[in-house]
């Protein structure tokens, strides 16, 4: 028991830090600093990747829209093919009839 009436379980005097312990603290401090730098770099990279991803998503949406428009144009042309074939057949028949009629007159 001390003079002040307080019971102390451990002595108040602490031994000074050893050189090995100080170097361990310095190493730990350096590692923490490196970890902080890496964290900041990863956050910056992540922000850039999010920006790039958003830009690519917008570009992709534009290409999807263009593909839809092209598909609609192709489908419209495909729907016209039977009409064009029929018109071509009618024209060919008409021209053939005219050719035959001309040849019959000459003969």
N, C-alpha and C. Protein backbone atom coordinates (compact mmCIF):
# COMPACT_ATOMS: atom_id res chain seq x y z
N UNK A 1 0.83 -1.17 0.00
CA UNK A 1 0.00 0.00 0.00
C UNK A 1 0.88 1.23 0.00
N UNK A 2 0.41 2.28 -0.66
CA UNK A 2 1.18 3.51 -0.76
C UNK A 2 0.82 4.43 0.37
N UNK A 3 1.52 5.54 0.42
CA UNK A 3 1.28 6.52 1.46
C UNK A 3 -0.09 7.16 1.34
N UNK A 4 -0.64 7.24 0.13
CA UNK A 4 -1.92 7.92 -0.06
C UNK A 4 -3.09 7.02 0.24
N UNK A 5 -2.85 5.78 0.57
CA UNK A 5 -3.92 4.86 0.90
C UNK A 5 -4.45 4.10 -0.31
N UNK A 6 -3.87 4.30 -1.50
CA UNK A 6 -4.32 3.61 -2.71
C UNK A 6 -3.46 2.36 -2.90
N UNK A 7 -4.14 1.28 -3.18
CA UNK A 7 -3.42 0.04 -3.41
C UNK A 7 -3.10 -0.03 -4.90
N UNK A 8 -1.87 -0.27 -5.21
CA UNK A 8 -1.46 -0.38 -6.61
C UNK A 8 -1.10 -1.83 -6.89
N UNK A 9 -1.67 -2.32 -8.00
CA UNK A 9 -1.41 -3.70 -8.36
C UNK A 9 -0.17 -3.84 -9.22
N UNK A 10 0.14 -2.79 -9.98
CA UNK A 10 1.33 -2.82 -10.82
C UNK A 10 2.19 -1.64 -10.47
N UNK A 11 3.45 -1.81 -10.67
CA UNK A 11 4.32 -0.68 -10.35
C UNK A 11 4.14 0.45 -11.36
N UNK A 12 4.30 1.69 -10.97
CA UNK A 12 4.13 2.86 -11.80
C UNK A 12 5.30 3.06 -12.75
N UNK A 13 6.43 2.59 -12.36
CA UNK A 13 7.59 2.79 -13.21
C UNK A 13 7.52 1.82 -14.39
N UNK A 14 7.66 2.37 -15.58
CA UNK A 14 7.66 1.55 -16.78
C UNK A 14 9.04 1.59 -17.41
N UNK A 15 9.46 0.46 -17.90
CA UNK A 15 10.79 0.48 -18.53
C UNK A 15 10.70 1.22 -19.86
N UNK A 16 11.76 1.87 -20.26
CA UNK A 16 11.74 2.57 -21.54
C UNK A 16 11.58 1.56 -22.69
N UNK A 17 11.06 2.08 -23.79
CA UNK A 17 10.87 1.21 -24.96
C UNK A 17 12.22 0.73 -25.45
N UNK A 18 12.21 -0.50 -25.89
CA UNK A 18 13.46 -1.03 -26.43
C UNK A 18 13.59 -0.59 -27.89
N UNK A 19 14.77 -0.64 -28.40
CA UNK A 19 15.02 -0.25 -29.79
C UNK A 19 14.24 -1.13 -30.75
N UNK A 20 14.10 -2.41 -30.44
CA UNK A 20 13.36 -3.32 -31.30
C UNK A 20 11.89 -2.95 -31.38
N UNK A 21 11.34 -2.52 -30.25
CA UNK A 21 9.92 -2.17 -30.23
C UNK A 21 9.69 -0.89 -31.03
N UNK A 22 10.58 0.05 -30.94
CA UNK A 22 10.44 1.29 -31.70
C UNK A 22 10.52 1.01 -33.19
N UNK A 23 11.43 0.13 -33.60
CA UNK A 23 11.53 -0.18 -35.03
C UNK A 23 10.25 -0.91 -35.49
N UNK A 24 9.66 -1.74 -34.63
CA UNK A 24 8.40 -2.40 -34.98
C UNK A 24 7.28 -1.37 -35.15
N UNK A 25 7.25 -0.37 -34.29
CA UNK A 25 6.26 0.70 -34.42
C UNK A 25 6.46 1.47 -35.72
N UNK A 26 7.72 1.74 -36.04
CA UNK A 26 8.01 2.46 -37.29
C UNK A 26 7.58 1.63 -38.51
N UNK A 27 7.85 0.33 -38.47
CA UNK A 27 7.43 -0.54 -39.57
C UNK A 27 5.91 -0.55 -39.69
N UNK A 28 5.24 -0.66 -38.56
CA UNK A 28 3.78 -0.66 -38.56
C UNK A 28 3.24 0.66 -39.10
N UNK A 29 3.86 1.74 -38.69
CA UNK A 29 3.45 3.06 -39.17
C UNK A 29 3.63 3.17 -40.69
N UNK A 30 4.76 2.67 -41.18
CA UNK A 30 5.00 2.69 -42.63
C UNK A 30 3.96 1.85 -43.37
N UNK A 31 3.65 0.69 -42.83
CA UNK A 31 2.65 -0.18 -43.46
C UNK A 31 1.27 0.48 -43.46
N UNK A 32 0.93 1.16 -42.38
CA UNK A 32 -0.36 1.86 -42.31
C UNK A 32 -0.39 2.99 -43.34
N UNK A 33 0.72 3.71 -43.47
CA UNK A 33 0.80 4.77 -44.48
C UNK A 33 0.65 4.21 -45.88
N UNK A 34 1.31 3.09 -46.16
CA UNK A 34 1.22 2.45 -47.47
C UNK A 34 -0.21 1.98 -47.73
N UNK A 35 -0.84 1.41 -46.71
CA UNK A 35 -2.22 0.95 -46.83
C UNK A 35 -3.15 2.13 -47.14
N UNK A 36 -2.93 3.25 -46.49
CA UNK A 36 -3.74 4.44 -46.74
C UNK A 36 -3.56 4.94 -48.17
N UNK A 37 -2.32 4.96 -48.66
CA UNK A 37 -2.05 5.37 -50.04
C UNK A 37 -2.73 4.43 -51.04
N UNK A 38 -2.62 3.13 -50.77
CA UNK A 38 -3.24 2.16 -51.66
C UNK A 38 -4.77 2.31 -51.65
N UNK A 39 -5.33 2.57 -50.49
CA UNK A 39 -6.78 2.76 -50.38
C UNK A 39 -7.22 3.96 -51.21
N UNK A 40 -6.49 5.06 -51.12
CA UNK A 40 -6.82 6.25 -51.90
C UNK A 40 -6.69 5.97 -53.40
N UNK A 41 -5.63 5.28 -53.78
CA UNK A 41 -5.43 4.95 -55.20
C UNK A 41 -6.56 4.06 -55.71
N UNK A 42 -6.96 3.08 -54.92
CA UNK A 42 -8.05 2.19 -55.32
C UNK A 42 -9.38 2.94 -55.42
N UNK A 43 -9.59 3.88 -54.52
CA UNK A 43 -10.83 4.68 -54.58
C UNK A 43 -10.86 5.54 -55.84
N UNK A 44 -9.71 6.13 -56.17
CA UNK A 44 -9.64 6.94 -57.40
C UNK A 44 -9.87 6.05 -58.63
N UNK A 45 -9.22 4.89 -58.64
CA UNK A 45 -9.39 3.97 -59.76
C UNK A 45 -10.84 3.49 -59.87
N UNK A 46 -11.45 3.20 -58.74
CA UNK A 46 -12.84 2.77 -58.72
C UNK A 46 -13.76 3.86 -59.27
N UNK A 47 -13.51 5.10 -58.88
CA UNK A 47 -14.32 6.21 -59.38
C UNK A 47 -14.17 6.35 -60.90
N UNK A 48 -12.94 6.21 -61.39
CA UNK A 48 -12.70 6.29 -62.83
C UNK A 48 -13.38 5.13 -63.56
N UNK A 49 -13.30 3.94 -62.99
CA UNK A 49 -13.95 2.79 -63.60
C UNK A 49 -15.47 2.96 -63.64
N UNK A 50 -16.03 3.54 -62.60
CA UNK A 50 -17.48 3.80 -62.60
C UNK A 50 -17.85 4.80 -63.70
N UNK A 51 -17.01 5.82 -63.86
CA UNK A 51 -17.24 6.81 -64.92
C UNK A 51 -17.17 6.15 -66.30
N UNK A 52 -16.11 5.35 -66.50
CA UNK A 52 -15.94 4.65 -67.77
C UNK A 52 -17.10 3.71 -68.04
N UNK A 53 -17.54 3.02 -67.00
CA UNK A 53 -18.65 2.09 -67.14
C UNK A 53 -19.93 2.82 -67.54
N UNK A 54 -20.17 3.97 -66.94
CA UNK A 54 -21.37 4.76 -67.28
C UNK A 54 -21.30 5.23 -68.74
N UNK A 55 -20.12 5.66 -69.16
CA UNK A 55 -19.97 6.11 -70.55
C UNK A 55 -20.19 4.95 -71.52
N UNK A 56 -19.64 3.79 -71.19
CA UNK A 56 -19.83 2.62 -72.06
C UNK A 56 -21.28 2.16 -72.08
N UNK A 57 -21.97 2.27 -70.96
CA UNK A 57 -23.38 1.89 -70.92
C UNK A 57 -24.20 2.82 -71.80
N UNK A 58 -23.89 4.11 -71.77
CA UNK A 58 -24.59 5.07 -72.63
C UNK A 58 -24.30 4.78 -74.10
N UNK A 59 -23.04 4.49 -74.40
CA UNK A 59 -22.67 4.18 -75.78
C UNK A 59 -23.37 2.90 -76.24
N UNK A 60 -23.44 1.91 -75.36
CA UNK A 60 -24.11 0.65 -75.69
C UNK A 60 -25.60 0.89 -75.95
N UNK A 61 -26.23 1.73 -75.15
CA UNK A 61 -27.65 2.04 -75.35
C UNK A 61 -27.86 2.68 -76.72
N UNK A 62 -26.94 3.54 -77.13
CA UNK A 62 -27.03 4.17 -78.45
C UNK A 62 -26.94 3.11 -79.55
N UNK A 63 -25.99 2.17 -79.41
CA UNK A 63 -25.85 1.11 -80.41
C UNK A 63 -27.08 0.20 -80.45
N UNK A 64 -27.65 -0.07 -79.30
CA UNK A 64 -28.86 -0.90 -79.26
C UNK A 64 -29.99 -0.20 -80.01
N UNK A 65 -30.12 1.11 -79.80
CA UNK A 65 -31.16 1.87 -80.50
C UNK A 65 -30.91 1.85 -82.01
N UNK A 66 -29.66 2.03 -82.42
CA UNK A 66 -29.34 2.00 -83.85
C UNK A 66 -29.63 0.62 -84.46
N UNK A 67 -29.35 -0.43 -83.70
CA UNK A 67 -29.63 -1.78 -84.18
C UNK A 67 -31.14 -1.98 -84.35
N UNK A 68 -31.93 -1.47 -83.42
CA UNK A 68 -33.39 -1.57 -83.53
C UNK A 68 -33.88 -0.87 -84.79
N UNK A 69 -33.36 0.33 -85.02
CA UNK A 69 -33.78 1.09 -86.21
C UNK A 69 -33.39 0.35 -87.49
N UNK A 70 -32.19 -0.21 -87.52
CA UNK A 70 -31.75 -0.96 -88.70
C UNK A 70 -32.62 -2.20 -88.89
N UNK A 71 -32.96 -2.86 -87.80
CA UNK A 71 -33.81 -4.05 -87.89
C UNK A 71 -35.19 -3.67 -88.44
N UNK A 72 -35.73 -2.55 -88.00
CA UNK A 72 -37.03 -2.11 -88.50
C UNK A 72 -36.96 -1.83 -90.00
N UNK A 73 -35.87 -1.20 -90.46
CA UNK A 73 -35.72 -0.92 -91.89
C UNK A 73 -35.62 -2.21 -92.70
N UNK A 74 -34.85 -3.17 -92.20
CA UNK A 74 -34.71 -4.44 -92.89
C UNK A 74 -36.05 -5.17 -92.95
N UNK A 75 -36.78 -5.17 -91.84
CA UNK A 75 -38.08 -5.83 -91.83
C UNK A 75 -39.04 -5.16 -92.81
N UNK A 76 -38.99 -3.84 -92.91
CA UNK A 76 -39.85 -3.13 -93.86
C UNK A 76 -39.49 -3.52 -95.30
N UNK A 77 -38.19 -3.64 -95.57
CA UNK A 77 -37.77 -4.06 -96.91
C UNK A 77 -38.19 -5.50 -97.20
N UNK A 78 -38.08 -6.36 -96.21
CA UNK A 78 -38.48 -7.76 -96.40
C UNK A 78 -39.99 -7.87 -96.68
N UNK A 79 -40.76 -7.00 -96.07
CA UNK A 79 -42.20 -7.01 -96.32
C UNK A 79 -42.51 -6.56 -97.74
N UNK A 80 -41.67 -5.70 -98.31
CA UNK A 80 -41.89 -5.20 -99.66
C UNK A 80 -41.45 -6.19 -100.74
N UNK A 81 -40.63 -7.16 -100.40
CA UNK A 81 -40.10 -8.08 -101.41
C UNK A 81 -41.21 -8.78 -102.19
N UNK A 82 -42.22 -9.36 -101.53
CA UNK A 82 -43.28 -10.00 -102.33
C UNK A 82 -43.97 -9.03 -103.29
N UNK A 83 -44.19 -7.81 -102.84
CA UNK A 83 -44.81 -6.80 -103.72
C UNK A 83 -43.88 -6.49 -104.90
N UNK A 84 -42.59 -6.34 -104.61
CA UNK A 84 -41.64 -6.03 -105.67
C UNK A 84 -41.51 -7.21 -106.65
N UNK A 85 -41.52 -8.42 -106.13
CA UNK A 85 -41.43 -9.59 -107.00
C UNK A 85 -42.67 -9.65 -107.89
N UNK A 86 -43.83 -9.44 -107.27
CA UNK A 86 -45.07 -9.46 -108.05
C UNK A 86 -45.06 -8.37 -109.11
N UNK A 87 -44.63 -7.17 -108.75
CA UNK A 87 -44.57 -6.07 -109.71
C UNK A 87 -43.57 -6.41 -110.82
N UNK A 88 -42.44 -7.01 -110.46
CA UNK A 88 -41.44 -7.40 -111.45
C UNK A 88 -41.98 -8.46 -112.40
N UNK A 89 -42.72 -9.42 -111.85
CA UNK A 89 -43.31 -10.46 -112.69
C UNK A 89 -44.35 -9.86 -113.65
N UNK A 90 -45.13 -8.94 -113.12
CA UNK A 90 -46.13 -8.28 -113.97
C UNK A 90 -45.45 -7.48 -115.07
N UNK A 91 -44.40 -6.77 -114.72
CA UNK A 91 -43.67 -5.99 -115.72
C UNK A 91 -43.04 -6.92 -116.76
N UNK A 92 -42.45 -8.02 -116.30
CA UNK A 92 -41.82 -8.96 -117.22
C UNK A 92 -42.86 -9.57 -118.15
N UNK A 93 -44.01 -9.90 -117.60
CA UNK A 93 -45.08 -10.47 -118.42
C UNK A 93 -45.56 -9.45 -119.44
N UNK A 94 -45.67 -8.21 -119.02
CA UNK A 94 -46.11 -7.14 -119.91
C UNK A 94 -45.10 -6.93 -121.03
N UNK A 95 -43.82 -6.89 -120.65
CA UNK A 95 -42.77 -6.70 -121.66
C UNK A 95 -42.70 -7.90 -122.60
N UNK A 96 -42.88 -9.09 -122.06
CA UNK A 96 -42.86 -10.29 -122.90
C UNK A 96 -44.04 -10.27 -123.87
N UNK A 97 -45.21 -9.85 -123.36
CA UNK A 97 -46.38 -9.76 -124.23
C UNK A 97 -46.17 -8.74 -125.34
N UNK A 98 -45.56 -7.62 -124.98
CA UNK A 98 -45.29 -6.59 -125.98
C UNK A 98 -44.28 -7.09 -126.99
N UNK A 99 -43.27 -7.82 -126.55
CA UNK A 99 -42.24 -8.36 -127.44
C UNK A 99 -42.87 -9.38 -128.40
N UNK A 100 -43.70 -10.23 -127.85
CA UNK A 100 -44.37 -11.24 -128.69
C UNK A 100 -45.27 -10.57 -129.71
N UNK A 101 -45.99 -9.56 -129.25
CA UNK A 101 -46.90 -8.85 -130.16
C UNK A 101 -46.10 -8.19 -131.27
N UNK A 102 -44.96 -7.62 -130.99
CA UNK A 102 -44.13 -6.97 -132.00
C UNK A 102 -43.60 -8.01 -132.99
N UNK A 103 -43.16 -9.12 -132.45
CA UNK A 103 -42.63 -10.17 -133.34
C UNK A 103 -43.73 -10.78 -134.21
N UNK A 104 -44.93 -10.85 -133.72
CA UNK A 104 -46.02 -11.39 -134.51
C UNK A 104 -46.37 -10.45 -135.65
N UNK A 105 -46.28 -9.14 -135.39
CA UNK A 105 -46.58 -8.15 -136.43
C UNK A 105 -45.54 -8.22 -137.53
N UNK A 106 -44.30 -8.42 -137.14
CA UNK A 106 -43.22 -8.47 -138.12
C UNK A 106 -43.27 -9.77 -138.93
N UNK A 107 -43.80 -10.78 -138.33
CA UNK A 107 -43.80 -12.07 -139.01
C UNK A 107 -44.93 -12.20 -139.96
